[in-house]
Amino acid sequence: MRESNHENKLYLKVPKEKIASLIRIMEGYDNVGLVTTLDPQEGLVAIQLTPDTAETVRNILRELPFVKYCGEQS
């Protein structure tokens, strides 16, 4: 287990009608990532994650065909 309080944000683009679905999916996985809507009209969202949840979140996102990766901030 890594000892770190460092958090990352993933920036994603999803169809605006899928934002609520993405939020519910993350909630369903015990909130492994906190979804924040940045621009609902453009479908831009950020997911805040920790080093302990990063791999799980990335695995979930890979299975969602409507998610487009836009970048990351450490």
PDB file of N, CA and C in Angstrom:
ATOM      1  N   MET A   1       0.835  -1.186   0.000  1.00  0.00           N
ATOM      2  CA  MET A   1       0.000   0.000   0.000  1.00  0.00           C
ATOM      3  C   MET A   1       0.875   1.242   0.000  1.00  0.00           C
ATOM      4  N   ARG A   2       0.553   2.173  -0.848  1.00  0.00           N
ATOM      5  CA  ARG A   2       1.324   3.402  -0.936  1.00  0.00           C
ATOM      6  C   ARG A   2       0.899   4.373   0.155  1.00  0.00           C
ATOM      7  N   GLU A   3       1.876   5.035   0.738  1.00  0.00           N
ATOM      8  CA  GLU A   3       1.607   6.071   1.725  1.00  0.00           C
ATOM      9  C   GLU A   3       1.634   7.410   1.016  1.00  0.00           C
ATOM     10  N   SER A   4       0.459   7.949   0.693  1.00  0.00           N
ATOM     11  CA  SER A   4       0.407   9.217  -0.003  1.00  0.00           C
ATOM     12  C   SER A   4      -0.966   9.833   0.161  1.00  0.00           C
ATOM     13  N   ASN A   5      -0.997  11.131   0.317  1.00  0.00           N
ATOM     14  CA  ASN A   5      -2.261  11.859   0.343  1.00  0.00           C
ATOM     15  C   ASN A   5      -2.491  12.550  -0.990  1.00  0.00           C
ATOM     16  N   HIS A   6      -1.641  12.250  -1.977  1.00  0.00           N
ATOM     17  CA  HIS A   6      -1.692  12.907  -3.273  1.00  0.00           C
ATOM     18  C   HIS A   6      -2.918  12.440  -4.050  1.00  0.00           C
ATOM     19  N   GLU A   7      -3.653  13.384  -4.580  1.00  0.00           N
ATOM     20  CA  GLU A   7      -4.828  13.060  -5.370  1.00  0.00           C
ATOM     21  C   GLU A   7      -4.637  13.538  -6.802  1.00  0.00           C
ATOM     22  N   ASN A   8      -5.265  12.855  -7.719  1.00  0.00           N
ATOM     23  CA  ASN A   8      -5.235  13.204  -9.133  1.00  0.00           C
ATOM     24  C   ASN A   8      -6.641  13.498  -9.606  1.00  0.00           C
ATOM     25  N   LYS A   9      -6.731  14.207 -10.721  1.00  0.00           N
ATOM     26  CA  LYS A   9      -8.004  14.406 -11.392  1.00  0.00           C
ATOM     27  C   LYS A   9      -7.876  13.942 -12.825  1.00  0.00           C
ATOM     28  N   LEU A  10      -8.857  13.192 -13.261  1.00  0.00           N
ATOM     29  CA  LEU A  10      -8.972  12.805 -14.654  1.00  0.00           C
ATOM     30  C   LEU A  10     -10.024  13.707 -15.280  1.00  0.00           C
ATOM     31  N   TYR A  11      -9.738  14.213 -16.457  1.00  0.00           N
ATOM     32  CA  TYR A  11     -10.697  15.049 -17.176  1.00  0.00           C
ATOM     33  C   TYR A  11     -11.250  14.237 -18.335  1.00  0.00           C
ATOM     34  N   LEU A  12     -12.576  14.203 -18.429  1.00  0.00           N
ATOM     35  CA  LEU A  12     -13.252  13.363 -19.401  1.00  0.00           C
ATOM     36  C   LEU A  12     -14.321  14.149 -20.130  1.00  0.00           C
ATOM     37  N   LYS A  13     -14.663  13.648 -21.306  1.00  0.00           N
ATOM     38  CA  LYS A  13     -15.808  14.173 -22.039  1.00  0.00           C
ATOM     39  C   LYS A  13     -16.769  13.012 -22.237  1.00  0.00           C
ATOM     40  N   VAL A  14     -18.009  13.251 -21.867  1.00  0.00           N
ATOM     41  CA  VAL A  14     -19.061  12.246 -22.029  1.00  0.00           C
ATOM     42  C   VAL A  14     -20.280  12.937 -22.627  1.00  0.00           C
ATOM     43  N   PRO A  15     -21.128  12.207 -23.319  1.00  0.00           N
ATOM     44  CA  PRO A  15     -22.362  12.834 -23.790  1.00  0.00           C
ATOM     45  C   PRO A  15     -23.122  13.404 -22.591  1.00  0.00           C
ATOM     46  N   LYS A  16     -23.669  14.597 -22.739  1.00  0.00           N
ATOM     47  CA  LYS A  16     -24.296  15.249 -21.590  1.00  0.00           C
ATOM     48  C   LYS A  16     -25.409  14.410 -20.978  1.00  0.00           C
ATOM     49  N   GLU A  17     -26.075  13.597 -21.773  1.00  0.00           N
ATOM     50  CA  GLU A  17     -27.140  12.753 -21.227  1.00  0.00           C
ATOM     51  C   GLU A  17     -26.586  11.552 -20.446  1.00  0.00           C
ATOM     52  N   LYS A  18     -25.271  11.347 -20.468  1.00  0.00           N
ATOM     53  CA  LYS A  18     -24.644  10.234 -19.750  1.00  0.00           C
ATOM     54  C   LYS A  18     -23.940  10.673 -18.457  1.00  0.00           C
ATOM     55  N   ILE A  19     -23.929  11.965 -18.167  1.00  0.00           N
ATOM     56  CA  ILE A  19     -23.243  12.445 -16.965  1.00  0.00           C
ATOM     57  C   ILE A  19     -23.827  11.799 -15.716  1.00  0.00           C
ATOM     58  N   ALA A  20     -25.152  11.792 -15.597  1.00  0.00           N
ATOM     59  CA  ALA A  20     -25.789  11.192 -14.419  1.00  0.00           C
ATOM     60  C   ALA A  20     -25.454   9.702 -14.313  1.00  0.00           C
ATOM     61  N   SER A  21     -25.385   9.020 -15.447  1.00  0.00           N
ATOM     62  CA  SER A  21     -25.026   7.603 -15.443  1.00  0.00           C
ATOM     63  C   SER A  21     -23.612   7.399 -14.909  1.00  0.00           C
ATOM     64  N   LEU A  22     -22.690   8.238 -15.360  1.00  0.00           N
ATOM     65  CA  LEU A  22     -21.309   8.127 -14.887  1.00  0.00           C
ATOM     66  C   LEU A  22     -21.234   8.355 -13.378  1.00  0.00           C
ATOM     67  N   ILE A  23     -21.948   9.344 -12.893  1.00  0.00           N
ATOM     68  CA  ILE A  23     -21.964   9.613 -11.449  1.00  0.00           C
ATOM     69  C   ILE A  23     -22.503   8.405 -10.695  1.00  0.00           C
ATOM     70  N   ARG A  24     -23.589   7.835 -11.164  1.00  0.00           N
ATOM     71  CA  ARG A  24     -24.181   6.672 -10.481  1.00  0.00           C
ATOM     72  C   ARG A  24     -23.273   5.440 -10.544  1.00  0.00           C
ATOM     73  N   ILE A  25     -22.583   5.275 -11.642  1.00  0.00           N
ATOM     74  CA  ILE A  25     -21.645   4.148 -11.752  1.00  0.00           C
ATOM     75  C   ILE A  25     -20.547   4.289 -10.711  1.00  0.00           C
ATOM     76  N   MET A  26     -19.970   5.481 -10.583  1.00  0.00           N
ATOM     77  CA  MET A  26     -18.918   5.690  -9.572  1.00  0.00           C
ATOM     78  C   MET A  26     -19.470   5.510  -8.162  1.00  0.00           C
ATOM     79  N   GLU A  27     -20.679   5.981  -7.926  1.00  0.00           N
ATOM     80  CA  GLU A  27     -21.309   5.781  -6.611  1.00  0.00           C
ATOM     81  C   GLU A  27     -21.509   4.295  -6.339  1.00  0.00           C
ATOM     82  N   GLY A  28     -21.879   3.547  -7.364  1.00  0.00           N
ATOM     83  CA  GLY A  28     -22.118   2.113  -7.222  1.00  0.00           C
ATOM     84  C   GLY A  28     -20.866   1.324  -6.877  1.00  0.00           C
ATOM     85  N   TYR A  29     -19.717   1.880  -7.197  1.00  0.00           N
ATOM     86  CA  TYR A  29     -18.438   1.259  -6.837  1.00  0.00           C
ATOM     87  C   TYR A  29     -17.885   1.901  -5.561  1.00  0.00           C
ATOM     88  N   ASP A  30     -18.766   2.212  -4.634  1.00  0.00           N
ATOM     89  CA  ASP A  30     -18.391   2.788  -3.328  1.00  0.00           C
ATOM     90  C   ASP A  30     -17.607   4.088  -3.466  1.00  0.00           C
ATOM     91  N   ASN A  31     -18.012   4.911  -4.426  1.00  0.00           N
ATOM     92  CA  ASN A  31     -17.404   6.235  -4.595  1.00  0.00           C
ATOM     93  C   ASN A  31     -15.884   6.181  -4.731  1.00  0.00           C
ATOM     94  N   VAL A  32     -15.384   5.280  -5.579  1.00  0.00           N
ATOM     95  CA  VAL A  32     -13.936   5.196  -5.801  1.00  0.00           C
ATOM     96  C   VAL A  32     -13.391   6.446  -6.467  1.00  0.00           C
ATOM     97  N   GLY A  33     -14.267   7.203  -7.112  1.00  0.00           N
ATOM     98  CA  GLY A  33     -13.886   8.470  -7.720  1.00  0.00           C
ATOM     99  C   GLY A  33     -15.015   9.462  -7.557  1.00  0.00           C
ATOM    100  N   LEU A  34     -14.669  10.686  -7.226  1.00  0.00           N
ATOM    101  CA  LEU A  34     -15.662  11.738  -7.049  1.00  0.00           C
ATOM    102  C   LEU A  34     -15.817  12.495  -8.367  1.00  0.00           C
ATOM    103  N   VAL A  35     -17.003  12.414  -8.945  1.00  0.00           N
ATOM    104  CA  VAL A  35     -17.273  13.039 -10.241  1.00  0.00           C
ATOM    105  C   VAL A  35     -17.782  14.461 -10.030  1.00  0.00           C
ATOM    106  N   THR A  36     -17.163  15.402 -10.730  1.00  0.00           N
ATOM    107  CA  THR A  36     -17.590  16.796 -10.723  1.00  0.00           C
ATOM    108  C   THR A  36     -17.877  17.207 -12.161  1.00  0.00           C
ATOM    109  N   THR A  37     -19.041  17.782 -12.378  1.00  0.00           N
ATOM    110  CA  THR A  37     -19.394  18.275 -13.705  1.00  0.00           C
ATOM    111  C   THR A  37     -18.806  19.664 -13.885  1.00  0.00           C
ATOM    112  N   LEU A  38     -17.961  19.820 -14.885  1.00  0.00           N
ATOM    113  CA  LEU A  38     -17.319  21.100 -15.155  1.00  0.00           C
ATOM    114  C   LEU A  38     -18.123  21.949 -16.134  1.00  0.00           C
ATOM    115  N   ASP A  39     -18.666  21.308 -17.161  1.00  0.00           N
ATOM    116  CA  ASP A  39     -19.477  22.006 -18.159  1.00  0.00           C
ATOM    117  C   ASP A  39     -20.546  21.027 -18.650  1.00  0.00           C
ATOM    118  N   PRO A  40     -21.747  21.124 -18.108  1.00  0.00           N
ATOM    119  CA  PRO A  40     -22.784  20.155 -18.464  1.00  0.00           C
ATOM    120  C   PRO A  40     -23.190  20.200 -19.935  1.00  0.00           C
ATOM    121  N   GLN A  41     -23.139  21.363 -20.552  1.00  0.00           N
ATOM    122  CA  GLN A  41     -23.517  21.464 -21.960  1.00  0.00           C
ATOM    123  C   GLN A  41     -22.513  20.768 -22.879  1.00  0.00           C
ATOM    124  N   GLU A  42     -21.239  20.817 -22.500  1.00  0.00           N
ATOM    125  CA  GLU A  42     -20.184  20.182 -23.290  1.00  0.00           C
ATOM    126  C   GLU A  42     -19.891  18.754 -22.843  1.00  0.00           C
ATOM    127  N   GLY A  43     -20.452  18.344 -21.701  1.00  0.00           N
ATOM    128  CA  GLY A  43     -20.206  17.005 -21.180  1.00  0.00           C
ATOM    129  C   GLY A  43     -18.826  16.847 -20.574  1.00  0.00           C
ATOM    130  N   LEU A  44     -18.245  17.934 -20.091  1.00  0.00           N
ATOM    131  CA  LEU A  44     -16.924  17.879 -19.475  1.00  0.00           C
ATOM    132  C   LEU A  44     -17.049  17.598 -17.991  1.00  0.00           C
ATOM    133  N   VAL A  45     -16.343  16.566 -17.539  1.00  0.00           N
ATOM    134  CA  VAL A  45     -16.361  16.188 -16.133  1.00  0.00           C
ATOM    135  C   VAL A  45     -14.937  15.929 -15.659  1.00  0.00           C
ATOM    136  N   ALA A  46     -14.762  15.980 -14.352  1.00  0.00           N
ATOM    137  CA  ALA A  46     -13.497  15.605 -13.726  1.00  0.00           C
ATOM    138  C   ALA A  46     -13.810  14.523 -12.709  1.00  0.00           C
ATOM    139  N   ILE A  47     -12.904  13.585 -12.573  1.00  0.00           N
ATOM    140  CA  ILE A  47     -13.024  12.565 -11.537  1.00  0.00           C
ATOM    141  C   ILE A  47     -11.816  12.680 -10.638  1.00  0.00           C
ATOM    142  N   GLN A  48     -12.070  12.962  -9.387  1.00  0.00           N
ATOM    143  CA  GLN A  48     -11.003  13.039  -8.387  1.00  0.00           C
ATOM    144  C   GLN A  48     -10.771  11.637  -7.846  1.00  0.00           C
ATOM    145  N   LEU A  49      -9.507  11.225  -7.838  1.00  0.00           N
ATOM    146  CA  LEU A  49      -9.175   9.887  -7.361  1.00  0.00           C
ATOM    147  C   LEU A  49      -7.893   9.920  -6.556  1.00  0.00           C
ATOM    148  N   THR A  50      -7.677   8.870  -5.797  1.00  0.00           N
ATOM    149  CA  THR A  50      -6.471   8.745  -4.981  1.00  0.00           C
ATOM    150  C   THR A  50      -5.583   7.670  -5.581  1.00  0.00           C
ATOM    151  N   PRO A  51      -4.328   7.607  -5.149  1.00  0.00           N
ATOM    152  CA  PRO A  51      -3.460   6.529  -5.649  1.00  0.00           C
ATOM    153  C   PRO A  51      -4.041   5.136  -5.388  1.00  0.00           C
ATOM    154  N   ASP A  52      -4.772   4.984  -4.300  1.00  0.00           N
ATOM    155  CA  ASP A  52      -5.354   3.674  -3.978  1.00  0.00           C
ATOM    156  C   ASP A  52      -6.534   3.314  -4.873  1.00  0.00           C
ATOM    157  N   THR A  53      -7.205   4.307  -5.438  1.00  0.00           N
ATOM    158  CA  THR A  53      -8.378   4.020  -6.276  1.00  0.00           C
ATOM    159  C   THR A  53      -8.131   4.219  -7.764  1.00  0.00           C
ATOM    160  N   ALA A  54      -6.986   4.763  -8.124  1.00  0.00           N
ATOM    161  CA  ALA A  54      -6.722   5.123  -9.525  1.00  0.00           C
ATOM    162  C   ALA A  54      -6.878   3.942 -10.481  1.00  0.00           C
ATOM    163  N   GLU A  55      -6.311   2.810 -10.157  1.00  0.00           N
ATOM    164  CA  GLU A  55      -6.377   1.665 -11.057  1.00  0.00           C
ATOM    165  C   GLU A  55      -7.816   1.175 -11.222  1.00  0.00           C
ATOM    166  N   THR A  56      -8.563   1.127 -10.132  1.00  0.00           N
ATOM    167  CA  THR A  56      -9.960   0.706 -10.194  1.00  0.00           C
ATOM    168  C   THR A  56     -10.770   1.651 -11.069  1.00  0.00           C
ATOM    169  N   VAL A  57     -10.595   2.950 -10.875  1.00  0.00           N
ATOM    170  CA  VAL A  57     -11.331   3.937 -11.669  1.00  0.00           C
ATOM    171  C   VAL A  57     -10.982   3.791 -13.144  1.00  0.00           C
ATOM    172  N   ARG A  58      -9.712   3.664 -13.454  1.00  0.00           N
ATOM    173  CA  ARG A  58      -9.305   3.514 -14.861  1.00  0.00           C
ATOM    174  C   ARG A  58      -9.894   2.249 -15.489  1.00  0.00           C
ATOM    175  N   ASN A  59      -9.934   1.163 -14.735  1.00  0.00           N
ATOM    176  CA  ASN A  59     -10.533  -0.087 -15.231  1.00  0.00           C
ATOM    177  C   ASN A  59     -12.021   0.083 -15.501  1.00  0.00           C
ATOM    178  N   ILE A  60     -12.718   0.774 -14.619  1.00  0.00           N
ATOM    179  CA  ILE A  60     -14.146   1.035 -14.824  1.00  0.00           C
ATOM    180  C   ILE A  60     -14.340   1.863 -16.090  1.00  0.00           C
ATOM    181  N   LEU A  61     -13.575   2.932 -16.224  1.00  0.00           N
ATOM    182  CA  LEU A  61     -13.732   3.831 -17.371  1.00  0.00           C
ATOM    183  C   LEU A  61     -13.437   3.149 -18.696  1.00  0.00           C
ATOM    184  N   ARG A  62     -12.495   2.227 -18.702  1.00  0.00           N
ATOM    185  CA  ARG A  62     -12.167   1.494 -19.940  1.00  0.00           C
ATOM    186  C   ARG A  62     -13.363   0.691 -20.452  1.00  0.00           C
ATOM    187  N   GLU A  63     -14.254   0.317 -19.546  1.00  0.00           N
ATOM    188  CA  GLU A  63     -15.423  -0.490 -19.918  1.00  0.00           C
ATOM    189  C   GLU A  63     -16.616   0.359 -20.356  1.00  0.00           C
ATOM    190  N   LEU A  64     -16.493   1.666 -20.259  1.00  0.00           N
ATOM    191  CA  LEU A  64     -17.604   2.558 -20.615  1.00  0.00           C
ATOM    192  C   LEU A  64     -17.341   3.169 -21.992  1.00  0.00           C
ATOM    193  N   PRO A  65     -18.073   2.732 -23.002  1.00  0.00           N
ATOM    194  CA  PRO A  65     -17.791   3.178 -24.367  1.00  0.00           C
ATOM    195  C   PRO A  65     -18.076   4.659 -24.611  1.00  0.00           C
ATOM    196  N   PHE A  66     -18.835   5.293 -23.736  1.00  0.00           N
ATOM    197  CA  PHE A  66     -19.201   6.690 -23.963  1.00  0.00           C
ATOM    198  C   PHE A  66     -18.215   7.686 -23.343  1.00  0.00           C
ATOM    199  N   VAL A  67     -17.168   7.203 -22.692  1.00  0.00           N
ATOM    200  CA  VAL A  67     -16.208   8.082 -22.022  1.00  0.00           C
ATOM    201  C   VAL A  67     -15.022   8.364 -22.937  1.00  0.00           C
ATOM    202  N   LYS A  68     -14.651   9.640 -23.054  1.00  0.00           N
ATOM    203  CA  LYS A  68     -13.489  10.036 -23.830  1.00  0.00           C
ATOM    204  C   LYS A  68     -12.501  10.743 -22.887  1.00  0.00           C
ATOM    205  N   TYR A  69     -11.280  10.237 -22.829  1.00  0.00           N
ATOM    206  CA  TYR A  69     -10.239  10.783 -21.960  1.00  0.00           C
ATOM    207  C   TYR A  69      -9.743  12.102 -22.530  1.00  0.00           C
ATOM    208  N   CYS A  70      -9.639  13.127 -21.662  1.00  0.00           N
ATOM    209  CA  CYS A  70      -9.174  14.445 -22.112  1.00  0.00           C
ATOM    210  C   CYS A  70      -7.866  14.870 -21.462  1.00  0.00           C
ATOM    211  N   GLY A  71      -7.503  14.322 -20.317  1.00  0.00           N
ATOM    212  CA  GLY A  71      -6.274  14.718 -19.664  1.00  0.00           C
ATOM    213  C   GLY A  71      -6.280  14.387 -18.184  1.00  0.00           C
ATOM    214  N   GLU A  72      -5.183  14.758 -17.538  1.00  0.00           N
ATOM    215  CA  GLU A  72      -5.010  14.425 -16.128  1.00  0.00           C
ATOM    216  C   GLU A  72      -4.238  15.535 -15.437  1.00  0.00           C
ATOM    217  N   GLN A  73      -4.549  15.734 -14.172  1.00  0.00           N
ATOM    218  CA  GLN A  73      -3.835  16.708 -13.355  1.00  0.00           C
ATOM    219  C   GLN A  73      -3.424  16.027 -12.057  1.00  0.00           C
ATOM    220  N   SER A  74      -2.165  16.193 -11.682  1.00  0.00           N
ATOM    221  CA  SER A  74      -1.671  15.626 -10.428  1.00  0.00           C
ATOM    222  C   SER A  74      -1.648  16.673  -9.349  1.00  0.00           C
TER     223      SER A  74
END
